[in-house]
């Protein structure tokens, strides 16, 4: 069962408490969503901006990417972690690997 992308991003950030950048998120989601039309950096940027606006995630670092675009490193907040209770049971019992593809 595939989660909606925004919820999957939140799930991924819950798994990676150290935080992830937009590019890290894209690489981690590529196997699941890479063939979908919504799999674009601009869409992921919109998802994380929405989650940040409501307090589910926060920015913990800023840097300049190799493409000269600003990279944000995001971390889930306690408020965001609270939403893990809405995950399907199979995602809580057997979550995808924490390892990011490199």
Protein backbone atom coordinates (compact mmCIF):
# COMPACT_ATOMS: atom_id res chain seq x y z
CA UNK A 1 0.00 0.00 0.00
CA UNK A 2 1.41 3.37 -1.03
CA UNK A 3 0.82 6.37 1.21
CA UNK A 4 -0.13 9.80 -0.14
CA UNK A 5 3.15 11.60 -0.86
CA UNK A 6 2.78 14.24 1.84
CA UNK A 7 2.14 11.63 4.50
CA UNK A 8 5.04 9.52 3.19
CA UNK A 9 7.36 12.56 3.50
CA UNK A 10 6.23 12.97 7.11
CA UNK A 11 6.77 9.24 7.72
CA UNK A 12 10.27 9.51 6.24
CA UNK A 13 11.14 12.46 8.47
CA UNK A 14 9.87 10.55 11.51
CA UNK A 15 12.25 7.72 10.59
CA UNK A 16 15.20 10.09 10.13
CA UNK A 17 15.30 12.13 13.31
CA UNK A 18 18.58 13.74 12.24
CA UNK A 19 16.68 15.54 9.47
CA UNK A 20 16.66 15.42 5.67
CA UNK A 21 16.99 17.93 2.86
CA UNK A 22 14.63 18.18 -0.12
CA UNK A 23 17.17 16.25 -2.22
CA UNK A 24 17.48 13.51 0.43
CA UNK A 25 13.69 13.22 0.47
CA UNK A 26 13.56 12.98 -3.33
CA UNK A 27 16.21 10.24 -3.42
CA UNK A 28 14.46 8.25 -0.71
CA UNK A 29 11.07 8.51 -2.46
CA UNK A 30 12.32 7.88 -6.01
CA UNK A 31 11.73 4.07 -5.87
CA UNK A 32 8.12 4.58 -4.74
CA UNK A 33 7.04 7.74 -6.59
CA UNK A 34 9.67 8.31 -9.30
CA UNK A 35 7.39 7.35 -12.18
CA UNK A 36 4.54 9.64 -11.08
CA UNK A 37 3.94 13.07 -12.58
CA UNK A 38 3.89 14.60 -9.10
CA UNK A 39 7.49 13.53 -8.45
CA UNK A 40 9.14 16.94 -8.90
CA UNK A 41 11.22 19.06 -6.58
CA UNK A 42 8.64 21.86 -6.78
CA UNK A 43 5.89 19.52 -5.55
CA UNK A 44 8.03 18.23 -2.70
CA UNK A 45 8.94 21.84 -1.83
CA UNK A 46 5.21 22.66 -1.66
CA UNK A 47 4.53 19.65 0.57
CA UNK A 48 7.28 20.53 3.05
CA UNK A 49 6.28 24.23 3.02
CA UNK A 50 2.71 23.23 3.91
CA UNK A 51 3.86 20.92 6.69
CA UNK A 52 6.19 23.61 8.03
CA UNK A 53 3.38 26.20 7.97
CA UNK A 54 1.23 24.09 10.29
CA UNK A 55 4.11 23.15 12.60
CA UNK A 56 4.59 19.50 11.63
CA UNK A 57 8.22 20.02 10.59
CA UNK A 58 10.87 22.67 11.17
CA UNK A 59 14.00 23.85 9.36
CA UNK A 60 17.18 22.92 11.20
CA UNK A 61 19.80 23.93 8.61
CA UNK A 62 20.24 25.89 5.37
CA UNK A 63 22.89 25.39 2.71
CA UNK A 64 23.51 26.03 -0.97
CA UNK A 65 23.11 23.05 -3.27
CA UNK A 66 25.35 22.25 -6.23
CA UNK A 67 22.62 23.68 -8.49
CA UNK A 68 22.89 27.00 -6.59
CA UNK A 69 19.44 26.52 -5.08
CA UNK A 70 18.90 26.90 -1.37
CA UNK A 71 18.63 23.57 0.45
CA UNK A 72 16.67 23.26 3.66
CA UNK A 73 17.20 20.47 6.15
CA UNK A 74 13.94 19.53 7.82
CA UNK A 75 13.19 17.74 11.07
CA UNK A 76 9.83 16.51 12.30
CA UNK A 77 8.39 18.21 15.38
CA UNK A 78 6.63 16.50 18.28
CA UNK A 79 3.37 17.77 16.80
CA UNK A 80 4.27 16.10 13.49
CA UNK A 81 5.25 12.84 15.19
CA UNK A 82 1.79 12.75 16.72
CA UNK A 83 0.39 12.12 13.22
CA UNK A 84 2.11 8.72 13.05
CA UNK A 85 -0.98 7.32 14.78
CA UNK A 86 -2.79 7.74 11.45
CA UNK A 87 -0.39 5.43 9.63
CA UNK A 88 -1.86 2.15 8.42
CA UNK A 89 -1.00 -0.67 10.84
CA UNK A 90 1.24 -2.42 8.32
CA UNK A 91 3.45 0.70 8.12
CA UNK A 92 3.86 0.77 11.88
CA UNK A 93 4.53 -2.97 12.12
CA UNK A 94 6.89 -3.26 9.15
CA UNK A 95 8.11 0.20 8.05
CA UNK A 96 10.34 0.66 4.99
CA UNK A 97 14.06 0.73 5.58
CA UNK A 98 15.63 3.77 7.23
CA UNK A 99 18.51 3.60 4.77
CA UNK A 100 18.54 6.25 2.08
CA UNK A 101 19.66 5.17 -1.39
CA UNK A 102 23.01 6.67 -2.40
